[in-house]
Amino acid sequence: MSFVDYLVPISVFAVAVVLGLGLLNMMRGGDSNTSQKLMRARVLLQFVAVIVIMGVIYITGR
């Protein structure tokens, strides 16, 4: 198993963690500025995750 095989789960996990932190902040009634930062981070991580997934598909030829 190469490093490429770990990229997709790592990127998806990172998105899930930031999403969970955002939901937790929202449920606790946290600072709206923090919610905005987490939402921006989530969108950026989702973009990176899509790029990683497409790159892995291209590299592996599936």
C-alpha atoms as a PDB file:
ATOM      1  CA  MET A   1       0.000   0.000   0.000  1.00  0.00           C
ATOM      2  CA  SER A   2       1.457   3.321  -1.042  1.00  0.00           C
ATOM      3  CA  PHE A   3       1.005   6.814   0.319  1.00  0.00           C
ATOM      4  CA  VAL A   4      -1.512   7.561  -2.438  1.00  0.00           C
ATOM      5  CA  ASP A   5      -3.861   4.977  -0.921  1.00  0.00           C
ATOM      6  CA  TYR A   6      -3.971   6.986   2.315  1.00  0.00           C
ATOM      7  CA  LEU A   7      -4.642  10.388   0.728  1.00  0.00           C
ATOM      8  CA  VAL A   8      -8.381   9.925   0.153  1.00  0.00           C
ATOM      9  CA  PRO A   9      -9.250   8.702   3.683  1.00  0.00           C
ATOM     10  CA  ILE A  10      -7.090  11.428   5.227  1.00  0.00           C
ATOM     11  CA  SER A  11      -8.738  14.175   3.179  1.00  0.00           C
ATOM     12  CA  VAL A  12     -12.253  12.875   3.859  1.00  0.00           C
ATOM     13  CA  PHE A  13     -11.463  12.550   7.570  1.00  0.00           C
ATOM     14  CA  ALA A  14     -10.180  16.134   7.672  1.00  0.00           C
ATOM     15  CA  VAL A  15     -13.446  17.377   6.141  1.00  0.00           C
ATOM     16  CA  ALA A  16     -15.456  15.320   8.633  1.00  0.00           C
ATOM     17  CA  VAL A  17     -13.495  16.687  11.596  1.00  0.00           C
ATOM     18  CA  VAL A  18     -13.994  20.315  10.560  1.00  0.00           C
ATOM     19  CA  LEU A  19     -17.672  19.636   9.862  1.00  0.00           C
ATOM     20  CA  GLY A  20     -18.057  18.070  13.310  1.00  0.00           C
ATOM     21  CA  LEU A  21     -16.331  21.018  14.963  1.00  0.00           C
ATOM     22  CA  GLY A  22     -18.638  23.402  13.122  1.00  0.00           C
ATOM     23  CA  LEU A  23     -21.733  21.480  14.192  1.00  0.00           C
ATOM     24  CA  LEU A  24     -20.509  21.335  17.769  1.00  0.00           C
ATOM     25  CA  ASN A  25     -19.872  25.080  17.781  1.00  0.00           C
ATOM     26  CA  MET A  26     -23.327  25.735  16.341  1.00  0.00           C
ATOM     27  CA  MET A  27     -25.079  23.448  18.851  1.00  0.00           C
ATOM     28  CA  ARG A  28     -23.319  25.131  21.772  1.00  0.00           C
ATOM     29  CA  GLY A  29     -24.280  28.557  20.483  1.00  0.00           C
ATOM     30  CA  GLY A  30     -20.659  29.504  19.937  1.00  0.00           C
ATOM     31  CA  ASP A  31     -19.185  32.578  18.352  1.00  0.00           C
ATOM     32  CA  SER A  32     -20.467  33.241  14.848  1.00  0.00           C
ATOM     33  CA  ASN A  33     -16.985  34.331  13.756  1.00  0.00           C
ATOM     34  CA  THR A  34     -15.690  30.877  14.654  1.00  0.00           C
ATOM     35  CA  SER A  35     -18.539  29.309  12.683  1.00  0.00           C
ATOM     36  CA  GLN A  36     -17.576  31.372   9.629  1.00  0.00           C
ATOM     37  CA  LYS A  37     -13.932  30.337   9.910  1.00  0.00           C
ATOM     38  CA  LEU A  38     -14.897  26.673  10.241  1.00  0.00           C
ATOM     39  CA  MET A  39     -17.245  26.911   7.257  1.00  0.00           C
ATOM     40  CA  ARG A  40     -14.510  28.455   5.123  1.00  0.00           C
ATOM     41  CA  ALA A  41     -12.047  25.788   6.255  1.00  0.00           C
ATOM     42  CA  ARG A  42     -14.584  23.063   5.429  1.00  0.00           C
ATOM     43  CA  VAL A  43     -15.198  24.425   1.941  1.00  0.00           C
ATOM     44  CA  LEU A  44     -11.446  24.647   1.314  1.00  0.00           C
ATOM     45  CA  LEU A  45     -10.900  21.110   2.608  1.00  0.00           C
ATOM     46  CA  GLN A  46     -13.754  19.813   0.459  1.00  0.00           C
ATOM     47  CA  PHE A  47     -12.101  21.385  -2.580  1.00  0.00           C
ATOM     48  CA  VAL A  48      -8.792  19.771  -1.652  1.00  0.00           C
ATOM     49  CA  ALA A  49     -10.526  16.423  -1.057  1.00  0.00           C
ATOM     50  CA  VAL A  50     -12.155  16.514  -4.506  1.00  0.00           C
ATOM     51  CA  ILE A  51      -8.809  17.363  -6.121  1.00  0.00           C
ATOM     52  CA  VAL A  52      -7.126  14.524  -4.202  1.00  0.00           C
ATOM     53  CA  ILE A  53      -9.840  12.036  -5.175  1.00  0.00           C
ATOM     54  CA  MET A  54      -9.666  13.024  -8.834  1.00  0.00           C
ATOM     55  CA  GLY A  55      -5.862  12.859  -8.719  1.00  0.00           C
ATOM     56  CA  VAL A  56      -5.885   9.382  -7.198  1.00  0.00           C
ATOM     57  CA  ILE A  57      -8.375   8.202  -9.823  1.00  0.00           C
ATOM     58  CA  TYR A  58      -6.156   9.638 -12.554  1.00  0.00           C
ATOM     59  CA  ILE A  59      -2.943   8.166 -11.106  1.00  0.00           C
ATOM     60  CA  THR A  60      -4.361   4.711 -10.502  1.00  0.00           C
ATOM     61  CA  GLY A  61      -6.194   4.664 -13.831  1.00  0.00           C
ATOM     62  CA  ARG A  62      -9.471   3.416 -12.397  1.00  0.00           C
END
